[in-house]
Each structure stands twice: as C-alpha cells, then as structure tokens.
Amino acid sequence: MEYSDAYLREYLPRENPPMELVPGDVIDEVERWGDFLGDDRGLIARSTFWTYAIFSELGLGRYRSERFYARIWGDGPWFTPVGTDFNMKQVSFGLFDKDREEAGIGFTIDVPQWDGPEFTIIDRLSFPRLGGVTFPFAIRQTEIEHHVAHPSGATSACWAQCRTTSLWGVLTAGHAVNGNRPGRAVPMASGNTASLGRSYFQPVDAAFVLTPAPGQKPTPLPVLSFASMGLPVILDCQSGSVSRTVVDVQNNCGVLNTREIGVTLCLDQPVTKGDSGALIRVANGDAVGLYRGLMKAPSAPTGFRGLAQNFEQAILALDVLPYL
C-alpha cells in the first residue's frame, strides 16, 4: 500500500486521547524517544497514544458495536461470515489501503479466501470514554506468503542468549526452521549446521537457533515495545538496509508475554524472499519486529503489505536476551 504522513494526518483524530486512558508504559516509552523520528514526532506520538488507548478500552470491553445495537432493536441486519473468529484479541488497528479498500483508519480481522467480498466493513465501534470516537470494523481476505528462500535460507536478526542456560545462538523467524523440536538440525549460510533451541511457530513466529558463542560479547539490543501506524522503521535485509513504515498493529490488547496468540505488525511494503527473520528496528537501533513475509489478497496476488512478528513477544516467548 502507499503510505504518507498526510494520509495518516487526515484520518487520525486531531487531538490526543484522554491521557489518563493511555497505558503508562506507552507514555513512558514515547517520552524516551529521541529525535530519530524527525519532524513528525508529534504525529507518530499521537498515533501511538490513540492506538494503545483504543487497545486498552477494547481489552476492557468498553466499546459499543453499532450492528449489535441494530440487531437488538431491529434496525438492521447482522452479518457474520461462517467460520470467522471475532476474538477481539486478534483484531488489528491501522490504516486501510485507500487504493484497494477504502480510505481511513479502523479495525480489521484477516480471514481466508471465501466467496464474499475481499474487503468489507461490517460494523463500527465507538468508545464512550474516548470522547465517543468511532472507527469502522472490517474483514479482509488475506493469505500469508513467508519469505524463506527455497530450497532453504532465511536471515538471522541478532545474537541471543538463553536466560536459563546462558547458551548462545541467533534469533530468526520460526517458520524458517521448519519444525519445533529442540535439537532439530538447522542449515546455516556458512555451510555449517546449527541446532534448534526453541521455536513457538505457530503462533509466535520466532526461533532461537543454538550456535557457538560470539568471539566477544555483543552489545545488548534495546526494544521498542509500542509500534503504531506511521512509525518509520529499517529492515536489515540480506541485500542491505531498507526503509519501511508501520501501517497497522495487532497487540493482543497490550499483552505481549503470551504464546497463545501471535502479535503482529504490518508494513506499507514487503521486502524479498530470503529476508524472513530480518531485524526490524527504528533509526536509533531499538528492535521492533522480525520480518515474516507478505500479505496477499485476491486483487493483489503479489502482495500489498509486509508482515512482521512483534520483537518483544518473540524474546519473551523464547526466554532469551537479544544482542547485536
């Protein structure tokens, strides 16, 4: 999709949400930001505040569904495609693709291909404690294409050290190792074979691959916990570093220390095969995610946005400390 700050600015509420409803950890992280976000720091901060205030209210059930009330009072139909899971923990919040879908910001749930519309708004959610702001709720047909280079090959994001055993290894995408059993052989680009320490794919697309320890202890890798639409990021791909922008996030209502549901974020554009597992970071070096692949849709079979695993969830699930 095509991202611009002007597009985000047009549809994001003009003022911050009530700050008492923004989780304190989010406020603390934004206050720690340096100048790496450039001239639009205020826009991205406002986007971050709204994103996590909304996730907080969503998790607490403090929202109203227009279609729910229409169904109760007989003012309109209720529509739910068979097999769709409307678990609010799996909802994403961010920018719609204005060229393929419709312009705006809202909630989406990704569903597999079916005989209905590729993208359709089925509800609108309002948040009384956030000034009554209302956002559309849509379903979107998508399919994930993982970016492992066949017959084998992916990218290591960073060094990692097990919290419990102190063993060393590297962090990569879980789908890249093609299995979950500890000790599984993992071919490396050097021609050597490493072994799998842990993987929780699915749903957490991350793996800890055991390797010899680095010659010198590397530098601890800091983490940015609260990505949101508009955040500029850098992907350290095999061919070099490329810039992208976060366009939506799925935050499990703020709970990252879980292996039950994978927490993801989407980028305005994908990268290429072989980049699965690549580190996604902001300009000051803080880790944001692990690259997974692209999101395809019936009208965009070659992909319309990139997909990533939330980095903090990855290291919490794998119980490792990240290093560069």
C-alpha atoms as a PDB file:
ATOM      1  CA  MET A   1       0.000   0.000   0.000  1.00  0.00           C
ATOM      2  CA  GLU A   2       1.039   3.613  -0.408  1.00  0.00           C
ATOM      3  CA  TYR A   3       1.709   5.337   2.923  1.00  0.00           C
ATOM      4  CA  SER A   4       2.092   9.063   3.558  1.00  0.00           C
ATOM      5  CA  ASP A   5       2.085  11.181   6.688  1.00  0.00           C
ATOM      6  CA  ALA A   6      -0.599  13.305   5.026  1.00  0.00           C
ATOM      7  CA  TYR A   7      -2.873  10.258   4.759  1.00  0.00           C
ATOM      8  CA  LEU A   8      -2.373   9.394   8.433  1.00  0.00           C
ATOM      9  CA  ARG A   9      -2.867  13.012   9.476  1.00  0.00           C
ATOM     10  CA  GLU A  10      -6.134  13.259   7.542  1.00  0.00           C
ATOM     11  CA  TYR A  11      -7.840  10.390   9.392  1.00  0.00           C
ATOM     12  CA  LEU A  12      -6.187  10.342  12.815  1.00  0.00           C
ATOM     13  CA  PRO A  13      -8.123  12.286  15.500  1.00  0.00           C
ATOM     14  CA  ARG A  14      -6.748  15.822  15.686  1.00  0.00           C
ATOM     15  CA  GLU A  15      -6.108  15.804  19.433  1.00  0.00           C
ATOM     16  CA  ASN A  16      -4.597  13.263  21.813  1.00  0.00           C
ATOM     17  CA  PRO A  17      -6.993  10.884  23.592  1.00  0.00           C
ATOM     18  CA  PRO A  18      -7.649  11.451  27.309  1.00  0.00           C
ATOM     19  CA  MET A  19      -4.150  10.747  28.597  1.00  0.00           C
ATOM     20  CA  GLU A  20      -5.427   9.025  31.746  1.00  0.00           C
ATOM     21  CA  LEU A  21      -6.686   6.247  29.427  1.00  0.00           C
ATOM     22  CA  VAL A  22      -3.313   5.762  27.712  1.00  0.00           C
ATOM     23  CA  PRO A  23      -1.327   2.978  29.439  1.00  0.00           C
ATOM     24  CA  GLY A  24       1.518   4.409  31.497  1.00  0.00           C
ATOM     25  CA  ASP A  25       4.128   2.209  29.806  1.00  0.00           C
ATOM     26  CA  VAL A  26       3.174   3.737  26.456  1.00  0.00           C
ATOM     27  CA  ILE A  27       3.557   7.281  27.773  1.00  0.00           C
ATOM     28  CA  ASP A  28       6.925   6.401  29.323  1.00  0.00           C
ATOM     29  CA  GLU A  29       8.214   4.933  26.054  1.00  0.00           C
ATOM     30  CA  VAL A  30       7.151   7.949  23.991  1.00  0.00           C
ATOM     31  CA  GLU A  31       8.874  10.252  26.486  1.00  0.00           C
ATOM     32  CA  ARG A  32      12.095   8.254  25.995  1.00  0.00           C
ATOM     33  CA  TRP A  33      12.064   8.742  22.226  1.00  0.00           C
ATOM     34  CA  GLY A  34      14.953  10.785  20.933  1.00  0.00           C
ATOM     35  CA  ASP A  35      14.960  12.852  17.763  1.00  0.00           C
ATOM     36  CA  PHE A  36      15.234   9.811  15.468  1.00  0.00           C
ATOM     37  CA  LEU A  37      11.617  10.210  14.323  1.00  0.00           C
ATOM     38  CA  GLY A  38      12.299  13.546  12.663  1.00  0.00           C
ATOM     39  CA  ASP A  39       9.820  16.350  12.128  1.00  0.00           C
ATOM     40  CA  ASP A  40       6.706  14.184  12.521  1.00  0.00           C
ATOM     41  CA  ARG A  41       7.409  13.005  16.051  1.00  0.00           C
ATOM     42  CA  GLY A  42       4.189  14.636  17.280  1.00  0.00           C
ATOM     43  CA  LEU A  43       2.082  12.848  14.671  1.00  0.00           C
ATOM     44  CA  ILE A  44       3.560   9.438  15.497  1.00  0.00           C
ATOM     45  CA  ALA A  45       3.229  10.084  19.238  1.00  0.00           C
ATOM     46  CA  ARG A  46      -0.459  10.925  18.764  1.00  0.00           C
ATOM     47  CA  SER A  47      -0.904   7.791  16.652  1.00  0.00           C
ATOM     48  CA  THR A  48       0.748   5.719  19.394  1.00  0.00           C
ATOM     49  CA  PHE A  49      -1.406   7.225  22.155  1.00  0.00           C
ATOM     50  CA  TRP A  50      -4.611   6.556  20.220  1.00  0.00           C
ATOM     51  CA  THR A  51      -3.606   3.029  19.229  1.00  0.00           C
ATOM     52  CA  TYR A  52      -2.931   1.839  22.753  1.00  0.00           C
ATOM     53  CA  ALA A  53      -5.740   3.765  24.429  1.00  0.00           C
ATOM     54  CA  ILE A  54      -8.065   2.005  21.979  1.00  0.00           C
ATOM     55  CA  PHE A  55      -6.486  -1.405  22.588  1.00  0.00           C
ATOM     56  CA  SER A  56      -6.834  -0.824  26.336  1.00  0.00           C
ATOM     57  CA  GLU A  57     -10.515   0.074  26.047  1.00  0.00           C
ATOM     58  CA  LEU A  58     -11.074  -2.828  23.649  1.00  0.00           C
ATOM     59  CA  GLY A  59      -9.497  -5.262  26.091  1.00  0.00           C
ATOM     60  CA  LEU A  60     -11.687  -3.965  28.906  1.00  0.00           C
ATOM     61  CA  GLY A  61     -14.808  -4.315  26.752  1.00  0.00           C
ATOM     62  CA  ARG A  62     -15.580  -0.589  26.935  1.00  0.00           C
ATOM     63  CA  TYR A  63     -16.855  -0.095  23.399  1.00  0.00           C
ATOM     64  CA  ARG A  64     -20.181  -0.158  21.569  1.00  0.00           C
ATOM     65  CA  SER A  65     -20.992  -2.036  18.390  1.00  0.00           C
ATOM     66  CA  GLU A  66     -23.425  -0.314  16.030  1.00  0.00           C
ATOM     67  CA  ARG A  67     -24.565  -3.597  14.473  1.00  0.00           C
ATOM     68  CA  PHE A  68     -25.028  -5.212  17.876  1.00  0.00           C
ATOM     69  CA  TYR A  69     -27.461  -2.488  18.882  1.00  0.00           C
ATOM     70  CA  ALA A  70     -29.105  -2.560  15.461  1.00  0.00           C
ATOM     71  CA  ARG A  71     -29.707  -6.277  15.907  1.00  0.00           C
ATOM     72  CA  ILE A  72     -31.201  -5.804  19.373  1.00  0.00           C
ATOM     73  CA  TRP A  73     -33.519  -3.005  18.307  1.00  0.00           C
ATOM     74  CA  GLY A  74     -34.366  -4.411  14.896  1.00  0.00           C
ATOM     75  CA  ASP A  75     -32.877  -1.503  12.958  1.00  0.00           C
ATOM     76  CA  GLY A  76     -30.684  -3.514  10.629  1.00  0.00           C
ATOM     77  CA  PRO A  77     -29.245  -6.901   9.706  1.00  0.00           C
ATOM     78  CA  TRP A  78     -26.482  -8.748  11.495  1.00  0.00           C
ATOM     79  CA  PHE A  79     -23.761 -10.152   9.248  1.00  0.00           C
ATOM     80  CA  THR A  80     -21.154 -12.734  10.261  1.00  0.00           C
ATOM     81  CA  PRO A  81     -19.417 -14.902   7.642  1.00  0.00           C
ATOM     82  CA  VAL A  82     -19.333 -18.545   8.663  1.00  0.00           C
ATOM     83  CA  GLY A  83     -16.063 -19.568  10.303  1.00  0.00           C
ATOM     84  CA  THR A  84     -14.901 -16.039  11.143  1.00  0.00           C
ATOM     85  CA  ASP A  85     -13.430 -15.637  14.630  1.00  0.00           C
ATOM     86  CA  PHE A  86     -14.281 -12.262  16.128  1.00  0.00           C
ATOM     87  CA  ASN A  87     -11.994 -12.661  19.125  1.00  0.00           C
ATOM     88  CA  MET A  88     -11.041  -9.052  19.847  1.00  0.00           C
ATOM     89  CA  LYS A  89      -7.546 -10.165  20.879  1.00  0.00           C
ATOM     90  CA  GLN A  90      -6.831 -10.884  17.205  1.00  0.00           C
ATOM     91  CA  VAL A  91      -8.008  -7.550  15.828  1.00  0.00           C
ATOM     92  CA  SER A  92      -5.578  -5.202  14.052  1.00  0.00           C
ATOM     93  CA  PHE A  93      -5.844  -1.428  14.133  1.00  0.00           C
ATOM     94  CA  GLY A  94      -4.407   0.841  11.488  1.00  0.00           C
ATOM     95  CA  LEU A  95      -4.693   2.359   8.031  1.00  0.00           C
ATOM     96  CA  PHE A  96      -6.798   0.840   5.281  1.00  0.00           C
ATOM     97  CA  ASP A  97      -5.367   0.652   1.774  1.00  0.00           C
ATOM     98  CA  LYS A  98      -7.094   3.638   0.186  1.00  0.00           C
ATOM     99  CA  ASP A  99      -6.488   2.377  -3.361  1.00  0.00           C
ATOM    100  CA  ARG A 100      -7.740  -1.199  -2.867  1.00  0.00           C
ATOM    101  CA  GLU A 101     -10.146  -0.876   0.064  1.00  0.00           C
ATOM    102  CA  GLU A 102     -11.360   2.496   1.297  1.00  0.00           C
ATOM    103  CA  ALA A 103      -9.612   5.477   2.821  1.00  0.00           C
ATOM    104  CA  GLY A 104      -9.485   5.649   6.587  1.00  0.00           C
ATOM    105  CA  ILE A 105      -8.358   4.127   9.867  1.00  0.00           C
ATOM    106  CA  GLY A 106     -10.075   1.208  11.524  1.00  0.00           C
ATOM    107  CA  PHE A 107     -10.087  -2.343  12.788  1.00  0.00           C
ATOM    108  CA  THR A 108      -9.577  -5.418  10.639  1.00  0.00           C
ATOM    109  CA  ILE A 109      -9.693  -9.154  11.034  1.00  0.00           C
ATOM    110  CA  ASP A 110      -7.950 -11.178   8.341  1.00  0.00           C
ATOM    111  CA  VAL A 111      -9.956 -14.110   7.010  1.00  0.00           C
ATOM    112  CA  PRO A 112      -9.103 -16.837   4.480  1.00  0.00           C
ATOM    113  CA  GLN A 113     -10.422 -16.713   0.957  1.00  0.00           C
ATOM    114  CA  TRP A 114     -14.184 -17.118   0.665  1.00  0.00           C
ATOM    115  CA  ASP A 115     -16.883 -16.301  -1.870  1.00  0.00           C
ATOM    116  CA  GLY A 116     -17.735 -12.934  -0.341  1.00  0.00           C
ATOM    117  CA  PRO A 117     -16.138  -9.500  -0.828  1.00  0.00           C
ATOM    118  CA  GLU A 118     -12.385  -9.118  -0.494  1.00  0.00           C
ATOM    119  CA  PHE A 119     -12.794  -6.235   1.951  1.00  0.00           C
ATOM    120  CA  THR A 120     -15.976  -5.086   3.605  1.00  0.00           C
ATOM    121  CA  ILE A 121     -16.925  -3.010   6.622  1.00  0.00           C
ATOM    122  CA  ILE A 122     -19.295  -4.997   8.791  1.00  0.00           C
ATOM    123  CA  ASP A 123     -19.536  -2.825  11.893  1.00  0.00           C
ATOM    124  CA  ARG A 124     -18.471   0.397  13.575  1.00  0.00           C
ATOM    125  CA  LEU A 125     -17.090   0.513  17.105  1.00  0.00           C
ATOM    126  CA  SER A 126     -17.432   3.589  19.277  1.00  0.00           C
ATOM    127  CA  PHE A 127     -15.580   4.316  22.502  1.00  0.00           C
ATOM    128  CA  PRO A 128     -17.594   6.371  25.005  1.00  0.00           C
ATOM    129  CA  ARG A 129     -14.646   7.076  27.311  1.00  0.00           C
ATOM    130  CA  LEU A 130     -12.553   8.284  24.368  1.00  0.00           C
ATOM    131  CA  GLY A 131     -14.963  11.067  23.503  1.00  0.00           C
ATOM    132  CA  GLY A 132     -17.276   8.813  21.518  1.00  0.00           C
ATOM    133  CA  VAL A 133     -14.761   8.404  18.670  1.00  0.00           C
ATOM    134  CA  THR A 134     -15.916   5.762  16.172  1.00  0.00           C
ATOM    135  CA  PHE A 135     -13.889   3.539  13.843  1.00  0.00           C
ATOM    136  CA  PRO A 136     -15.050   1.081  11.159  1.00  0.00           C
ATOM    137  CA  PHE A 137     -14.568  -2.657  11.674  1.00  0.00           C
ATOM    138  CA  ALA A 138     -13.746  -4.640   8.526  1.00  0.00           C
ATOM    139  CA  ILE A 139     -12.918  -8.142   7.373  1.00  0.00           C
ATOM    140  CA  ARG A 140     -10.176  -8.619   4.785  1.00  0.00           C
ATOM    141  CA  GLN A 141      -9.358 -11.696   2.732  1.00  0.00           C
ATOM    142  CA  THR A 142      -5.627 -12.373   3.002  1.00  0.00           C
ATOM    143  CA  GLU A 143      -3.029 -15.077   2.640  1.00  0.00           C
ATOM    144  CA  ILE A 144       0.488 -15.042   4.112  1.00  0.00           C
ATOM    145  CA  GLU A 145       3.481 -15.816   1.918  1.00  0.00           C
ATOM    146  CA  HIS A 146       6.543 -16.450   4.054  1.00  0.00           C
ATOM    147  CA  HIS A 147       9.768 -15.100   2.641  1.00  0.00           C
ATOM    148  CA  VAL A 148      12.096 -18.043   3.088  1.00  0.00           C
ATOM    149  CA  ALA A 149      14.285 -18.534   0.020  1.00  0.00           C
ATOM    150  CA  HIS A 150      13.739 -22.040  -1.319  1.00  0.00           C
ATOM    151  CA  PRO A 151      15.011 -24.683  -1.091  1.00  0.00           C
ATOM    152  CA  SER A 152      16.349 -23.181   2.151  1.00  0.00           C
ATOM    153  CA  GLY A 153      17.529 -19.891   3.568  1.00  0.00           C
ATOM    154  CA  ALA A 154      16.431 -17.062   5.819  1.00  0.00           C
ATOM    155  CA  THR A 155      18.010 -14.220   7.797  1.00  0.00           C
ATOM    156  CA  SER A 156      19.301 -14.012  11.362  1.00  0.00           C
ATOM    157  CA  ALA A 157      18.052 -10.946  13.195  1.00  0.00           C
ATOM    158  CA  CYS A 158      20.574 -10.780  16.029  1.00  0.00           C
ATOM    159  CA  TRP A 159      22.524 -12.724  18.611  1.00  0.00           C
ATOM    160  CA  ALA A 160      20.563 -14.131  21.536  1.00  0.00           C
ATOM    161  CA  GLN A 161      21.456 -15.738  24.863  1.00  0.00           C
ATOM    162  CA  CYS A 162      19.199 -18.106  26.782  1.00  0.00           C
ATOM    163  CA  ARG A 163      18.143 -16.633  30.114  1.00  0.00           C
ATOM    164  CA  THR A 164      18.205 -20.016  31.885  1.00  0.00           C
ATOM    165  CA  THR A 165      21.196 -21.873  30.373  1.00  0.00           C
ATOM    166  CA  SER A 166      23.323 -18.937  29.106  1.00  0.00           C
ATOM    167  CA  LEU A 167      23.767 -20.798  25.806  1.00  0.00           C
ATOM    168  CA  TRP A 168      24.278 -18.606  22.730  1.00  0.00           C
ATOM    169  CA  GLY A 169      22.540 -18.568  19.399  1.00  0.00           C
ATOM    170  CA  VAL A 170      20.741 -16.390  16.894  1.00  0.00           C
ATOM    171  CA  LEU A 171      17.168 -15.188  16.604  1.00  0.00           C
ATOM    172  CA  THR A 172      15.215 -15.770  13.395  1.00  0.00           C
ATOM    173  CA  ALA A 173      11.707 -16.445  12.124  1.00  0.00           C
ATOM    174  CA  GLY A 174      10.086 -19.615  13.450  1.00  0.00           C
ATOM    175  CA  HIS A 175       8.743 -20.702  10.064  1.00  0.00           C
ATOM    176  CA  ALA A 176      12.308 -20.629   8.682  1.00  0.00           C
ATOM    177  CA  VAL A 177      13.451 -23.662  10.720  1.00  0.00           C
ATOM    178  CA  ASN A 178      10.542 -25.838   9.536  1.00  0.00           C
ATOM    179  CA  GLY A 179       9.861 -27.530  12.863  1.00  0.00           C
ATOM    180  CA  ASN A 180       9.592 -27.062  16.625  1.00  0.00           C
ATOM    181  CA  ARG A 181      11.528 -29.977  18.105  1.00  0.00           C
ATOM    182  CA  PRO A 182      14.614 -28.869  20.103  1.00  0.00           C
ATOM    183  CA  GLY A 183      17.821 -30.247  18.611  1.00  0.00           C
ATOM    184  CA  ARG A 184      16.498 -30.149  15.075  1.00  0.00           C
ATOM    185  CA  ALA A 185      19.286 -29.530  12.548  1.00  0.00           C
ATOM    186  CA  VAL A 186      19.255 -26.021  11.070  1.00  0.00           C
ATOM    187  CA  PRO A 187      21.455 -25.347   7.990  1.00  0.00           C
ATOM    188  CA  MET A 188      23.389 -22.083   8.106  1.00  0.00           C
ATOM    189  CA  ALA A 189      24.629 -19.840   5.300  1.00  0.00           C
ATOM    190  CA  SER A 190      28.236 -20.694   6.279  1.00  0.00           C
ATOM    191  CA  GLY A 191      27.611 -24.300   5.311  1.00  0.00           C
ATOM    192  CA  ASN A 192      27.670 -25.414   8.943  1.00  0.00           C
ATOM    193  CA  THR A 193      24.707 -26.947  10.729  1.00  0.00           C
ATOM    194  CA  ALA A 194      23.309 -25.456  13.930  1.00  0.00           C
ATOM    195  CA  SER A 195      20.584 -26.875  16.160  1.00  0.00           C
ATOM    196  CA  LEU A 196      17.215 -25.561  17.213  1.00  0.00           C
ATOM    197  CA  GLY A 197      16.949 -24.357  20.793  1.00  0.00           C
ATOM    198  CA  ARG A 198      13.292 -23.285  20.831  1.00  0.00           C
ATOM    199  CA  SER A 199      10.556 -22.336  18.411  1.00  0.00           C
ATOM    200  CA  TYR A 200       6.945 -21.428  19.043  1.00  0.00           C
ATOM    201  CA  PHE A 201       5.721 -21.229  15.461  1.00  0.00           C
ATOM    202  CA  GLN A 202       2.820 -21.223  15.382  1.00  0.00           C
ATOM    203  CA  PRO A 203       1.532 -18.826  16.664  1.00  0.00           C
ATOM    204  CA  VAL A 204       4.699 -16.910  17.688  1.00  0.00           C
ATOM    205  CA  ASP A 205       6.851 -16.747  14.547  1.00  0.00           C
ATOM    206  CA  ALA A 206      10.270 -16.782  16.189  1.00  0.00           C
ATOM    207  CA  ALA A 207      13.031 -19.306  16.805  1.00  0.00           C
ATOM    208  CA  PHE A 208      16.226 -19.460  18.878  1.00  0.00           C
ATOM    209  CA  VAL A 209      18.927 -21.369  16.964  1.00  0.00           C
ATOM    210  CA  LEU A 210      21.910 -22.568  19.027  1.00  0.00           C
ATOM    211  CA  THR A 211      25.348 -21.657  17.645  1.00  0.00           C
ATOM    212  CA  PRO A 212      28.872 -21.207  19.016  1.00  0.00           C
ATOM    213  CA  ALA A 213      29.170 -18.126  21.209  1.00  0.00           C
ATOM    214  CA  PRO A 214      30.386 -14.899  19.584  1.00  0.00           C
ATOM    215  CA  GLY A 215      34.087 -14.152  19.938  1.00  0.00           C
ATOM    216  CA  GLN A 216      33.334 -11.089  22.048  1.00  0.00           C
ATOM    217  CA  LYS A 217      30.152 -10.483  23.991  1.00  0.00           C
ATOM    218  CA  PRO A 218      27.972  -8.280  21.761  1.00  0.00           C
ATOM    219  CA  THR A 219      26.018  -5.193  22.759  1.00  0.00           C
ATOM    220  CA  PRO A 220      22.561  -5.577  24.356  1.00  0.00           C
ATOM    221  CA  LEU A 221      19.792  -4.811  21.883  1.00  0.00           C
ATOM    222  CA  PRO A 222      17.120  -2.428  23.236  1.00  0.00           C
ATOM    223  CA  VAL A 223      13.471  -2.929  22.315  1.00  0.00           C
ATOM    224  CA  LEU A 224      10.693  -0.558  21.287  1.00  0.00           C
ATOM    225  CA  SER A 225       7.503  -2.117  22.644  1.00  0.00           C
ATOM    226  CA  PHE A 226       4.698   0.014  21.212  1.00  0.00           C
ATOM    227  CA  ALA A 227       4.812   0.301  17.438  1.00  0.00           C
ATOM    228  CA  SER A 228       1.932   2.081  15.742  1.00  0.00           C
ATOM    229  CA  MET A 229       0.907   3.311  12.298  1.00  0.00           C
ATOM    230  CA  GLY A 230       3.244   5.956  10.936  1.00  0.00           C
ATOM    231  CA  LEU A 231       6.342   4.633  12.705  1.00  0.00           C
ATOM    232  CA  PRO A 232       9.342   4.689  10.296  1.00  0.00           C
ATOM    233  CA  VAL A 233      11.423   1.523  10.545  1.00  0.00           C
ATOM    234  CA  ILE A 234      14.501  -0.047   8.961  1.00  0.00           C
ATOM    235  CA  LEU A 235      14.774  -3.674   7.849  1.00  0.00           C
ATOM    236  CA  ASP A 236      18.249  -5.204   7.900  1.00  0.00           C
ATOM    237  CA  CYS A 237      17.797  -7.458   4.860  1.00  0.00           C
ATOM    238  CA  GLN A 238      20.358  -9.739   3.219  1.00  0.00           C
ATOM    239  CA  SER A 239      20.870  -7.223   0.417  1.00  0.00           C
ATOM    240  CA  GLY A 240      21.182  -4.253   2.774  1.00  0.00           C
ATOM    241  CA  SER A 241      19.015  -1.985   4.902  1.00  0.00           C
ATOM    242  CA  VAL A 242      15.708  -0.667   3.551  1.00  0.00           C
ATOM    243  CA  SER A 243      13.167   1.784   4.968  1.00  0.00           C
ATOM    244  CA  ARG A 244       9.516   0.999   5.554  1.00  0.00           C
ATOM    245  CA  THR A 245       6.587   2.368   7.619  1.00  0.00           C
ATOM    246  CA  VAL A 246       4.306   0.560  10.063  1.00  0.00           C
ATOM    247  CA  VAL A 247       0.679   0.801   8.882  1.00  0.00           C
ATOM    248  CA  ASP A 248      -1.168  -1.374  11.389  1.00  0.00           C
ATOM    249  CA  VAL A 249      -0.560  -3.406  14.536  1.00  0.00           C
ATOM    250  CA  GLN A 250      -2.216  -6.279  16.358  1.00  0.00           C
ATOM    251  CA  ASN A 251      -1.361  -6.014  20.030  1.00  0.00           C
ATOM    252  CA  ASN A 252      -3.439  -8.674  21.802  1.00  0.00           C
ATOM    253  CA  CYS A 253      -4.916  -5.811  23.829  1.00  0.00           C
ATOM    254  CA  GLY A 254      -1.499  -4.954  25.243  1.00  0.00           C
ATOM    255  CA  VAL A 255      -0.468  -8.454  26.406  1.00  0.00           C
ATOM    256  CA  LEU A 256       2.873  -9.454  24.874  1.00  0.00           C
ATOM    257  CA  ASN A 257       4.048 -12.085  27.365  1.00  0.00           C
ATOM    258  CA  THR A 258       1.979 -14.895  25.863  1.00  0.00           C
ATOM    259  CA  ARG A 259       2.430 -17.802  23.481  1.00  0.00           C
ATOM    260  CA  GLU A 260      -1.301 -18.180  22.911  1.00  0.00           C
ATOM    261  CA  ILE A 261      -1.730 -15.586  20.161  1.00  0.00           C
ATOM    262  CA  GLY A 262       0.945 -14.255  17.840  1.00  0.00           C
ATOM    263  CA  VAL A 263       1.285 -10.472  17.921  1.00  0.00           C
ATOM    264  CA  THR A 264       1.999  -8.925  14.537  1.00  0.00           C
ATOM    265  CA  LEU A 265       2.536  -5.650  12.744  1.00  0.00           C
ATOM    266  CA  CYS A 266       2.199  -4.767   9.062  1.00  0.00           C
ATOM    267  CA  LEU A 267       4.458  -2.608   6.894  1.00  0.00           C
ATOM    268  CA  ASP A 268       3.493  -0.484   3.919  1.00  0.00           C
ATOM    269  CA  GLN A 269       5.590  -2.666   1.562  1.00  0.00           C
ATOM    270  CA  PRO A 270       7.135  -6.157   1.790  1.00  0.00           C
ATOM    271  CA  VAL A 271      10.765  -6.964   1.023  1.00  0.00           C
ATOM    272  CA  THR A 272      12.040 -10.129  -0.710  1.00  0.00           C
ATOM    273  CA  LYS A 273      12.462 -13.882  -0.375  1.00  0.00           C
ATOM    274  CA  GLY A 274      15.278 -14.854   1.941  1.00  0.00           C
ATOM    275  CA  ASP A 275      14.570 -11.938   4.296  1.00  0.00           C
ATOM    276  CA  SER A 276      12.388 -13.922   6.716  1.00  0.00           C
ATOM    277  CA  GLY A 277      13.769 -13.337  10.195  1.00  0.00           C
ATOM    278  CA  ALA A 278      15.354  -9.975   9.340  1.00  0.00           C
ATOM    279  CA  LEU A 279      15.560  -7.479  12.176  1.00  0.00           C
ATOM    280  CA  ILE A 280      13.132  -4.560  12.013  1.00  0.00           C
ATOM    281  CA  ARG A 281      14.310  -1.561  14.024  1.00  0.00           C
ATOM    282  CA  VAL A 282      13.887   2.161  14.372  1.00  0.00           C
ATOM    283  CA  ALA A 283      16.639   4.616  13.464  1.00  0.00           C
ATOM    284  CA  ASN A 284      18.187   4.678  16.943  1.00  0.00           C
ATOM    285  CA  GLY A 285      18.578   0.866  16.821  1.00  0.00           C
ATOM    286  CA  ASP A 286      15.708  -0.280  19.050  1.00  0.00           C
ATOM    287  CA  ALA A 287      14.244  -3.577  17.808  1.00  0.00           C
ATOM    288  CA  VAL A 288      10.594  -3.556  16.707  1.00  0.00           C
ATOM    289  CA  GLY A 289       9.968  -6.819  14.876  1.00  0.00           C
ATOM    290  CA  LEU A 290      11.104  -9.869  12.919  1.00  0.00           C
ATOM    291  CA  TYR A 291      10.183  -9.853   9.242  1.00  0.00           C
ATOM    292  CA  ARG A 292       7.920 -12.717   8.145  1.00  0.00           C
ATOM    293  CA  GLY A 293       6.751 -12.158   4.566  1.00  0.00           C
ATOM    294  CA  LEU A 294       3.982 -10.521   2.606  1.00  0.00           C
ATOM    295  CA  MET A 295       0.199 -10.330   2.793  1.00  0.00           C
ATOM    296  CA  LYS A 296      -1.551 -11.352  -0.422  1.00  0.00           C
ATOM    297  CA  ALA A 297      -5.158 -10.692  -1.408  1.00  0.00           C
ATOM    298  CA  PRO A 298      -7.283 -11.786  -4.402  1.00  0.00           C
ATOM    299  CA  SER A 299      -6.748  -8.421  -6.118  1.00  0.00           C
ATOM    300  CA  ALA A 300      -3.076  -8.235  -5.074  1.00  0.00           C
ATOM    301  CA  PRO A 301      -1.622 -11.736  -5.535  1.00  0.00           C
ATOM    302  CA  THR A 302       1.931 -10.389  -5.455  1.00  0.00           C
ATOM    303  CA  GLY A 303       1.314  -8.777  -2.069  1.00  0.00           C
ATOM    304  CA  PHE A 304       0.183  -5.417  -0.757  1.00  0.00           C
ATOM    305  CA  ARG A 305       1.943  -5.091   2.604  1.00  0.00           C
ATOM    306  CA  GLY A 306       4.684  -6.717   4.659  1.00  0.00           C
ATOM    307  CA  LEU A 307       4.080  -8.812   7.768  1.00  0.00           C
ATOM    308  CA  ALA A 308       6.232  -8.978  10.903  1.00  0.00           C
ATOM    309  CA  GLN A 309       6.347 -10.682  14.286  1.00  0.00           C
ATOM    310  CA  ASN A 310       6.414  -8.366  17.302  1.00  0.00           C
ATOM    311  CA  PHE A 311      10.014  -8.471  18.599  1.00  0.00           C
ATOM    312  CA  GLU A 312       9.302  -8.177  22.310  1.00  0.00           C
ATOM    313  CA  GLN A 313       6.832 -11.047  22.205  1.00  0.00           C
ATOM    314  CA  ALA A 314       9.480 -13.133  20.405  1.00  0.00           C
ATOM    315  CA  ILE A 315      12.148 -12.711  23.083  1.00  0.00           C
ATOM    316  CA  LEU A 316       9.634 -13.191  25.908  1.00  0.00           C
ATOM    317  CA  ALA A 317       8.296 -16.410  24.366  1.00  0.00           C
ATOM    318  CA  LEU A 318      11.785 -17.771  23.671  1.00  0.00           C
ATOM    319  CA  ASP A 319      13.142 -16.606  27.054  1.00  0.00           C
ATOM    320  CA  VAL A 320      16.259 -15.041  25.538  1.00  0.00           C
ATOM    321  CA  LEU A 321      18.200 -11.792  25.784  1.00  0.00           C
ATOM    322  CA  PRO A 322      18.891 -10.093  22.423  1.00  0.00           C
ATOM    323  CA  TYR A 323      22.257  -8.677  21.368  1.00  0.00           C
ATOM    324  CA  LEU A 324      23.847  -7.100  18.313  1.00  0.00           C
END
